[in-house]
Amino acid sequence: MFFSGGTLANFSVMALGLNPYINASIILQLLTFVFPKLEEIQKRRRIRQAKINQYTRMITVPLALLQAVGMYALLRIRNYC
């Protein structure tokens, strides 16, 4: 808290806004190399965007929850909450 001036708690709440979606998008792109079905969906132009966006949103929700719990635990240990 001394070095951050107390802004670490505010920044972490703001980071939860976009971080989970970006992370889910990266995870989904990496999973296309592992699962051939995802790679096939990505190659099809017509349904690609809708399906990939749907899967990204489905991954984002649990990832945001996991990151929120982790951030809360970190801030609780550091006595920011």
C-alpha atoms as a PDB file:
ATOM      1  CA  MET A   1       0.000   0.000   0.000  1.00  0.00           C
ATOM      2  CA  PHE A   2       2.900   2.322   0.683  1.00  0.00           C
ATOM      3  CA  PHE A   3       4.258   2.298  -2.868  1.00  0.00           C
ATOM      4  CA  SER A   4       0.938   2.234  -4.718  1.00  0.00           C
ATOM      5  CA  GLY A   5      -0.695   5.016  -2.717  1.00  0.00           C
ATOM      6  CA  GLY A   6      -3.786   2.872  -2.228  1.00  0.00           C
ATOM      7  CA  THR A   7      -4.635   2.769  -5.941  1.00  0.00           C
ATOM      8  CA  LEU A   8      -3.925  -0.940  -6.293  1.00  0.00           C
ATOM      9  CA  ALA A   9      -7.465  -1.789  -5.172  1.00  0.00           C
ATOM     10  CA  ASN A  10      -9.029   0.657  -7.657  1.00  0.00           C
ATOM     11  CA  PHE A  11      -6.864  -0.508 -10.535  1.00  0.00           C
ATOM     12  CA  SER A  12      -7.621  -4.164  -9.891  1.00  0.00           C
ATOM     13  CA  VAL A  13     -11.372  -3.565 -10.044  1.00  0.00           C
ATOM     14  CA  MET A  14     -10.942  -1.730 -13.347  1.00  0.00           C
ATOM     15  CA  ALA A  15      -8.719  -4.505 -14.707  1.00  0.00           C
ATOM     16  CA  LEU A  16     -11.493  -7.048 -14.194  1.00  0.00           C
ATOM     17  CA  GLY A  17     -13.591  -5.247 -16.791  1.00  0.00           C
ATOM     18  CA  LEU A  18     -11.703  -6.251 -19.926  1.00  0.00           C
ATOM     19  CA  ASN A  19      -9.013  -8.683 -18.806  1.00  0.00           C
ATOM     20  CA  PRO A  20     -11.181 -11.838 -18.647  1.00  0.00           C
ATOM     21  CA  TYR A  21     -12.477 -11.322 -22.193  1.00  0.00           C
ATOM     22  CA  ILE A  22      -8.988 -10.800 -23.587  1.00  0.00           C
ATOM     23  CA  ASN A  23      -7.698 -13.849 -21.719  1.00  0.00           C
ATOM     24  CA  ALA A  24     -10.638 -15.965 -22.918  1.00  0.00           C
ATOM     25  CA  SER A  25      -9.973 -14.902 -26.493  1.00  0.00           C
ATOM     26  CA  ILE A  26      -6.314 -15.877 -26.212  1.00  0.00           C
ATOM     27  CA  ILE A  27      -7.196 -19.202 -24.581  1.00  0.00           C
ATOM     28  CA  LEU A  28      -9.684 -19.957 -27.358  1.00  0.00           C
ATOM     29  CA  GLN A  29      -7.127 -19.168 -30.038  1.00  0.00           C
ATOM     30  CA  LEU A  30      -4.651 -21.524 -28.369  1.00  0.00           C
ATOM     31  CA  LEU A  31      -7.288 -24.246 -28.075  1.00  0.00           C
ATOM     32  CA  THR A  32      -7.808 -24.199 -31.843  1.00  0.00           C
ATOM     33  CA  PHE A  33      -4.406 -25.837 -32.186  1.00  0.00           C
ATOM     34  CA  VAL A  34      -5.407 -28.629 -29.775  1.00  0.00           C
ATOM     35  CA  PHE A  35      -8.951 -29.401 -30.926  1.00  0.00           C
ATOM     36  CA  PRO A  36      -9.509 -30.014 -34.650  1.00  0.00           C
ATOM     37  CA  LYS A  37     -13.224 -29.180 -34.391  1.00  0.00           C
ATOM     38  CA  LEU A  38     -12.438 -25.646 -33.186  1.00  0.00           C
ATOM     39  CA  GLU A  39      -9.944 -25.258 -35.986  1.00  0.00           C
ATOM     40  CA  GLU A  40     -12.601 -26.321 -38.488  1.00  0.00           C
ATOM     41  CA  ILE A  41     -15.070 -23.788 -37.058  1.00  0.00           C
ATOM     42  CA  GLN A  42     -12.444 -21.076 -37.283  1.00  0.00           C
ATOM     43  CA  LYS A  43     -11.756 -21.860 -40.944  1.00  0.00           C
ATOM     44  CA  ARG A  44     -15.409 -21.591 -41.989  1.00  0.00           C
ATOM     45  CA  ARG A  45     -16.120 -17.962 -42.832  1.00  0.00           C
ATOM     46  CA  ARG A  46     -19.897 -17.980 -42.501  1.00  0.00           C
ATOM     47  CA  ILE A  47     -20.389 -19.305 -38.985  1.00  0.00           C
ATOM     48  CA  ARG A  48     -16.912 -18.525 -37.685  1.00  0.00           C
ATOM     49  CA  GLN A  49     -17.509 -15.151 -36.091  1.00  0.00           C
ATOM     50  CA  ALA A  50     -20.744 -16.036 -34.303  1.00  0.00           C
ATOM     51  CA  LYS A  51     -19.512 -19.352 -32.898  1.00  0.00           C
ATOM     52  CA  ILE A  52     -16.105 -18.053 -31.844  1.00  0.00           C
ATOM     53  CA  ASN A  53     -17.736 -15.058 -30.112  1.00  0.00           C
ATOM     54  CA  GLN A  54     -20.192 -17.351 -28.345  1.00  0.00           C
ATOM     55  CA  TYR A  55     -17.417 -19.637 -27.107  1.00  0.00           C
ATOM     56  CA  THR A  56     -15.337 -16.651 -26.013  1.00  0.00           C
ATOM     57  CA  ARG A  57     -18.220 -15.288 -23.930  1.00  0.00           C
ATOM     58  CA  MET A  58     -18.818 -18.730 -22.429  1.00  0.00           C
ATOM     59  CA  ILE A  59     -15.194 -18.900 -21.306  1.00  0.00           C
ATOM     60  CA  THR A  60     -15.180 -15.272 -20.105  1.00  0.00           C
ATOM     61  CA  VAL A  61     -17.795 -15.681 -17.356  1.00  0.00           C
ATOM     62  CA  PRO A  62     -16.049 -18.416 -15.318  1.00  0.00           C
ATOM     63  CA  LEU A  63     -12.680 -16.791 -15.965  1.00  0.00           C
ATOM     64  CA  ALA A  64     -13.964 -13.450 -14.634  1.00  0.00           C
ATOM     65  CA  LEU A  65     -15.323 -15.184 -11.554  1.00  0.00           C
ATOM     66  CA  LEU A  66     -12.022 -16.956 -10.968  1.00  0.00           C
ATOM     67  CA  GLN A  67     -10.045 -13.743 -11.401  1.00  0.00           C
ATOM     68  CA  ALA A  68     -12.403 -11.822  -9.110  1.00  0.00           C
ATOM     69  CA  VAL A  69     -12.041 -14.388  -6.345  1.00  0.00           C
ATOM     70  CA  GLY A  70      -8.274 -14.398  -6.793  1.00  0.00           C
ATOM     71  CA  MET A  71      -8.094 -10.607  -6.736  1.00  0.00           C
ATOM     72  CA  TYR A  72     -10.270 -10.455  -3.639  1.00  0.00           C
ATOM     73  CA  ALA A  73      -8.025 -12.984  -1.891  1.00  0.00           C
ATOM     74  CA  LEU A  74      -4.920 -11.021  -2.861  1.00  0.00           C
ATOM     75  CA  LEU A  75      -6.374  -7.728  -1.680  1.00  0.00           C
ATOM     76  CA  ARG A  76      -7.623  -9.320   1.524  1.00  0.00           C
ATOM     77  CA  ILE A  77      -4.134 -10.663   2.298  1.00  0.00           C
ATOM     78  CA  ARG A  78      -2.625  -7.226   1.645  1.00  0.00           C
ATOM     79  CA  ASN A  79      -5.303  -5.585   3.868  1.00  0.00           C
ATOM     80  CA  TYR A  80      -6.722  -3.361   1.118  1.00  0.00           C
ATOM     81  CA  CYS A  81     -10.293  -4.540   1.761  1.00  0.00           C
END
